[in-house]
Amino acid sequence: MDLGAKNLLAAELEGQKIAIEIKSFLNPSPLHDLEQAVGQFVLYSKLLAQQERHWTAN
């Protein structure tokens, strides 16, 4: 997730933290946009899991 993104939502409830980034698929190739979004999700999931041991991707 782009932590500097304009469309980033974050919250904490009962000790659980969530962050949501709103993505747009505006390029001529929606498949390319999807590939980038999934790759970004996997990368950030791994980075967050290393920093926050209790973090899981749901």
Protein backbone atom coordinates (compact mmCIF):
# COMPACT_ATOMS: atom_id res chain seq x y z
CA MET A 1 0.00 0.00 0.00
CA ASP A 2 1.28 3.44 -0.81
CA LEU A 3 1.44 5.00 2.65
CA GLY A 4 1.61 8.42 1.01
CA ALA A 5 -1.44 7.79 -1.14
CA LYS A 6 -4.26 10.31 -1.20
CA ASN A 7 -6.91 7.57 -1.11
CA LEU A 8 -5.68 5.78 2.02
CA LEU A 9 -8.02 4.89 4.87
CA ALA A 10 -6.72 3.63 8.21
CA ALA A 11 -8.42 2.62 11.42
CA GLU A 12 -7.88 0.73 14.64
CA LEU A 13 -10.54 -1.20 16.52
CA GLU A 14 -9.97 -3.31 19.60
CA GLY A 15 -6.23 -3.41 18.94
CA GLN A 16 -6.58 -4.43 15.29
CA LYS A 17 -5.16 -2.05 12.70
CA ILE A 18 -6.46 -1.87 9.14
CA ALA A 19 -5.38 0.15 6.15
CA ILE A 20 -7.24 0.38 2.87
CA GLU A 21 -5.97 1.96 -0.33
CA ILE A 22 -8.48 2.80 -3.06
CA LYS A 23 -7.09 1.81 -6.46
CA SER A 24 -8.19 3.03 -9.87
CA PHE A 25 -7.76 1.07 -13.06
CA LEU A 26 -7.48 3.93 -15.51
CA ASN A 27 -4.69 2.81 -17.86
CA PRO A 28 -5.50 1.39 -21.29
CA SER A 29 -4.63 -2.10 -19.98
CA PRO A 30 -6.73 -3.01 -16.93
CA LEU A 31 -4.81 -6.29 -16.72
CA HIS A 32 -1.55 -4.38 -16.26
CA ASP A 33 -3.15 -2.27 -13.52
CA LEU A 34 -4.38 -5.44 -11.80
CA GLU A 35 -0.94 -7.02 -12.03
CA GLN A 36 0.62 -3.94 -10.42
CA ALA A 37 -2.01 -3.84 -7.66
CA VAL A 38 -1.59 -7.53 -6.79
CA GLY A 39 2.21 -7.23 -6.85
CA GLN A 40 2.04 -4.20 -4.57
CA PHE A 41 -0.27 -6.07 -2.19
CA VAL A 42 2.07 -9.06 -1.98
CA LEU A 43 5.13 -6.86 -1.43
CA TYR A 44 3.52 -4.74 1.29
CA SER A 45 2.01 -7.82 2.96
CA LYS A 46 5.47 -9.31 3.34
CA LEU A 47 7.01 -6.05 4.56
CA LEU A 48 4.25 -5.46 7.10
CA ALA A 49 4.46 -9.06 8.32
CA GLN A 50 8.17 -8.55 9.05
CA GLN A 51 7.58 -5.30 10.95
CA GLU A 52 4.32 -6.23 12.68
CA ARG A 53 4.38 -9.86 13.76
CA HIS A 54 0.63 -9.83 14.53
CA TRP A 55 -0.30 -8.45 11.09
CA THR A 56 -2.10 -10.74 8.65
CA ALA A 57 -3.46 -10.10 5.17
CA ASN A 58 -7.17 -10.86 4.92
